[in-house]
C-alpha atoms as a PDB file:
ATOM      1  CA  UNK A   1      46.067   6.444 -12.668  1.00  0.00           C
ATOM      2  CA  UNK A   2      44.564   7.873  -9.217  1.00  0.00           C
ATOM      3  CA  UNK A   3      42.187  10.514  -9.497  1.00  0.00           C
ATOM      4  CA  UNK A   4      41.073  12.927  -6.851  1.00  0.00           C
ATOM      5  CA  UNK A   5      37.508  12.699  -6.367  1.00  0.00           C
ATOM      6  CA  UNK A   6      35.868  15.376  -4.535  1.00  0.00           C
ATOM      7  CA  UNK A   7      32.608  15.002  -3.640  1.00  0.00           C
ATOM      8  CA  UNK A   8      30.288  18.185  -4.811  1.00  0.00           C
ATOM      9  CA  UNK A   9      29.768  21.012  -2.866  1.00  0.00           C
ATOM     10  CA  UNK A  10      26.489  22.284  -1.568  1.00  0.00           C
ATOM     11  CA  UNK A  11      25.472  25.397  -3.714  1.00  0.00           C
ATOM     12  CA  UNK A  12      24.900  28.765  -2.394  1.00  0.00           C
ATOM     13  CA  UNK A  13      21.125  28.634  -2.688  1.00  0.00           C
ATOM     14  CA  UNK A  14      21.175  24.740  -1.393  1.00  0.00           C
ATOM     15  CA  UNK A  15      23.031  26.265   1.551  1.00  0.00           C
ATOM     16  CA  UNK A  16      20.830  29.134   2.390  1.00  0.00           C
ATOM     17  CA  UNK A  17      17.687  26.633   1.761  1.00  0.00           C
ATOM     18  CA  UNK A  18      19.354  24.187   4.387  1.00  0.00           C
ATOM     19  CA  UNK A  19      19.586  27.526   6.802  1.00  0.00           C
ATOM     20  CA  UNK A  20      16.082  28.787   6.393  1.00  0.00           C
ATOM     21  CA  UNK A  21      14.596  25.347   7.230  1.00  0.00           C
ATOM     22  CA  UNK A  22      16.610  25.132  10.454  1.00  0.00           C
ATOM     23  CA  UNK A  23      15.699  28.783  11.186  1.00  0.00           C
ATOM     24  CA  UNK A  24      12.021  27.646  11.029  1.00  0.00           C
ATOM     25  CA  UNK A  25      12.526  24.593  13.070  1.00  0.00           C
ATOM     26  CA  UNK A  26      14.233  26.678  15.832  1.00  0.00           C
ATOM     27  CA  UNK A  27      11.078  28.733  15.703  1.00  0.00           C
ATOM     28  CA  UNK A  28       8.687  26.180  15.785  1.00  0.00           C
ATOM     29  CA  UNK A  29      10.663  24.623  19.114  1.00  0.00           C
ATOM     30  CA  UNK A  30      10.475  28.467  20.850  1.00  0.00           C
ATOM     31  CA  UNK A  31       6.950  28.401  19.697  1.00  0.00           C
ATOM     32  CA  UNK A  32       5.864  25.245  21.541  1.00  0.00           C
ATOM     33  CA  UNK A  33       8.080  26.404  24.311  1.00  0.00           C
ATOM     34  CA  UNK A  34       6.128  29.106  25.244  1.00  0.00           C
ATOM     35  CA  UNK A  35       2.743  27.627  24.093  1.00  0.00           C
ATOM     36  CA  UNK A  36       1.269  24.488  25.523  1.00  0.00           C
ATOM     37  CA  UNK A  37      -1.796  24.637  23.382  1.00  0.00           C
ATOM     38  CA  UNK A  38       0.794  24.671  20.289  1.00  0.00           C
ATOM     39  CA  UNK A  39       2.910  22.024  21.814  1.00  0.00           C
ATOM     40  CA  UNK A  40      -0.332  19.539  22.413  1.00  0.00           C
ATOM     41  CA  UNK A  41      -1.309  19.883  18.990  1.00  0.00           C
ATOM     42  CA  UNK A  42       1.956  18.893  17.873  1.00  0.00           C
ATOM     43  CA  UNK A  43       2.227  16.230  20.247  1.00  0.00           C
ATOM     44  CA  UNK A  44      -1.354  14.683  18.558  1.00  0.00           C
ATOM     45  CA  UNK A  45       0.137  14.651  15.166  1.00  0.00           C
ATOM     46  CA  UNK A  46       0.799  10.829  13.760  1.00  0.00           C
ATOM     47  CA  UNK A  47       3.618  11.527  11.083  1.00  0.00           C
ATOM     48  CA  UNK A  48       5.775  13.592   9.364  1.00  0.00           C
ATOM     49  CA  UNK A  49       3.058  15.212   6.869  1.00  0.00           C
ATOM     50  CA  UNK A  50       0.973  15.555   9.656  1.00  0.00           C
ATOM     51  CA  UNK A  51       3.662  18.254  11.529  1.00  0.00           C
ATOM     52  CA  UNK A  52       4.178  19.874   7.673  1.00  0.00           C
ATOM     53  CA  UNK A  53      -0.016  20.533   7.793  1.00  0.00           C
ATOM     54  CA  UNK A  54       0.126  21.664  11.331  1.00  0.00           C
ATOM     55  CA  UNK A  55       3.085  23.836  11.047  1.00  0.00           C
ATOM     56  CA  UNK A  56       2.008  25.056   7.679  1.00  0.00           C
ATOM     57  CA  UNK A  57      -1.035  26.165   9.599  1.00  0.00           C
ATOM     58  CA  UNK A  58       1.150  28.325  11.516  1.00  0.00           C
ATOM     59  CA  UNK A  59       2.780  29.804   9.086  1.00  0.00           C
ATOM     60  CA  UNK A  60       6.540  27.743   8.594  1.00  0.00           C
ATOM     61  CA  UNK A  61       7.097  26.048   5.310  1.00  0.00           C
ATOM     62  CA  UNK A  62       9.568  23.071   6.317  1.00  0.00           C
ATOM     63  CA  UNK A  63       7.975  20.371   4.065  1.00  0.00           C
ATOM     64  CA  UNK A  64      10.470  20.639   1.308  1.00  0.00           C
ATOM     65  CA  UNK A  65      14.108  19.305   1.874  1.00  0.00           C
ATOM     66  CA  UNK A  66      16.741  21.735   1.366  1.00  0.00           C
ATOM     67  CA  UNK A  67      17.698  20.020  -1.751  1.00  0.00           C
ATOM     68  CA  UNK A  68      14.569  20.372  -4.071  1.00  0.00           C
END
């Protein structure tokens, strides 16, 4: 017997989290394009955790994965 296997669809809640994270990342891009000091600060980060900590200080919340 052959079954149709459908992957789980993303919930609306997860989709909204995903889109919000993209929005936050785009805002960070805009910020560092217009603010050389912020760009320099970001360039000094050594790893993902450093980026999360720095951008959190700037008011962004990009640390969690969208599915969490």
